[in-house]
Amino acid sequence: MKQKVEAIFEKGVFRPVIPDEITMPEGQPVRLLVETMASEQDVLALATRVYDGLSEREITEIEQLALNRQDFFGTGIS
């Protein structure tokens, strides 16, 4: 059986964020695959680098394309 459970690692122990989500008996052996979640700071740092290396002209073109989505996929259909 597989369950996806969000947890916090504290004092050497994984603590479920919502304990009632776990539907198994106490003492049940499990195998954990730990995947860290991006923090708000990680997401903001990535967002600040989105235009790195681009000229002002390229940035303006990208933003204009994003704002003018009538023909976003180039299909000619509005």
Protein backbone atom coordinates (compact mmCIF):
# COMPACT_ATOMS: atom_id res chain seq x y z
CA MET A 1 0.00 0.00 0.00
CA LYS A 2 1.25 3.52 -0.85
CA GLN A 3 0.30 6.75 0.86
CA LYS A 4 1.61 10.24 0.27
CA VAL A 5 2.05 12.03 3.59
CA GLU A 6 3.55 15.48 4.15
CA ALA A 7 5.78 15.58 7.20
CA ILE A 8 8.23 17.78 9.05
CA PHE A 9 11.60 16.46 10.23
CA GLU A 10 12.12 17.51 13.87
CA LYS A 11 14.55 16.20 16.49
CA GLY A 12 15.45 13.21 14.33
CA VAL A 13 11.84 12.15 13.71
CA PHE A 14 9.43 12.62 10.81
CA ARG A 15 6.19 14.12 12.15
CA PRO A 16 3.14 14.04 9.87
CA VAL A 17 1.64 17.48 9.19
CA ILE A 18 -1.85 15.92 9.41
CA PRO A 19 -1.57 12.77 11.57
CA ASP A 20 -5.13 11.63 10.79
CA GLU A 21 -4.13 11.14 7.11
CA ILE A 22 -2.18 8.00 7.99
CA THR A 23 -4.34 4.90 7.74
CA MET A 24 -2.20 2.10 9.12
CA PRO A 25 -1.77 0.38 12.43
CA GLU A 26 0.77 1.55 15.03
CA GLY A 27 4.10 -0.21 14.67
CA GLN A 28 3.66 -0.91 10.94
CA PRO A 29 7.08 -1.01 9.25
CA VAL A 30 7.31 1.37 6.28
CA ARG A 31 9.85 2.48 3.68
CA LEU A 32 10.29 6.24 3.30
CA LEU A 33 11.37 8.05 0.16
CA VAL A 34 12.13 11.58 1.33
CA GLU A 35 11.63 14.46 -1.10
CA THR A 36 12.28 17.94 0.24
CA MET A 37 9.76 20.63 -0.61
CA ALA A 38 10.84 24.00 -1.99
CA SER A 39 10.65 26.78 0.54
CA GLU A 40 9.17 30.19 -0.23
CA GLN A 41 12.71 31.59 -0.31
CA ASP A 42 13.74 28.97 -2.92
CA VAL A 43 10.81 29.87 -5.15
CA LEU A 44 11.46 33.60 -4.84
CA ALA A 45 15.16 33.15 -5.58
CA LEU A 46 14.29 31.21 -8.74
CA ALA A 47 11.76 33.85 -9.81
CA THR A 48 14.33 36.62 -9.47
CA ARG A 49 16.60 34.81 -11.94
CA VAL A 50 13.98 34.29 -14.66
CA TYR A 51 15.35 37.11 -16.84
CA ASP A 52 19.06 36.60 -16.10
CA GLY A 53 21.17 37.08 -19.22
CA LEU A 54 18.42 38.69 -21.29
CA SER A 55 18.56 42.19 -22.72
CA GLU A 56 15.92 44.81 -21.93
CA ARG A 57 14.56 44.35 -25.47
CA GLU A 58 14.22 40.58 -25.02
CA ILE A 59 12.49 41.04 -21.67
CA THR A 60 10.05 43.53 -23.19
CA GLU A 61 9.28 41.15 -26.09
CA ILE A 62 8.63 38.23 -23.73
CA GLU A 63 6.35 40.29 -21.52
CA GLN A 64 4.41 41.63 -24.53
CA LEU A 65 3.92 38.08 -25.83
CA ALA A 66 2.70 36.93 -22.44
CA LEU A 67 0.22 39.80 -22.19
CA ASN A 68 -1.08 39.40 -25.76
CA ARG A 69 -2.45 35.85 -25.57
CA GLN A 70 -5.04 36.11 -28.36
CA ASP A 71 -2.77 34.17 -30.68
CA PHE A 72 -0.57 32.56 -28.02
CA PHE A 73 -0.16 29.25 -29.87
CA GLY A 74 0.26 30.79 -33.34
CA THR A 75 -2.86 29.13 -34.70
CA GLY A 76 -4.38 32.31 -36.14
CA ILE A 77 -7.54 31.63 -34.12
CA SER A 78 -8.53 34.44 -31.74
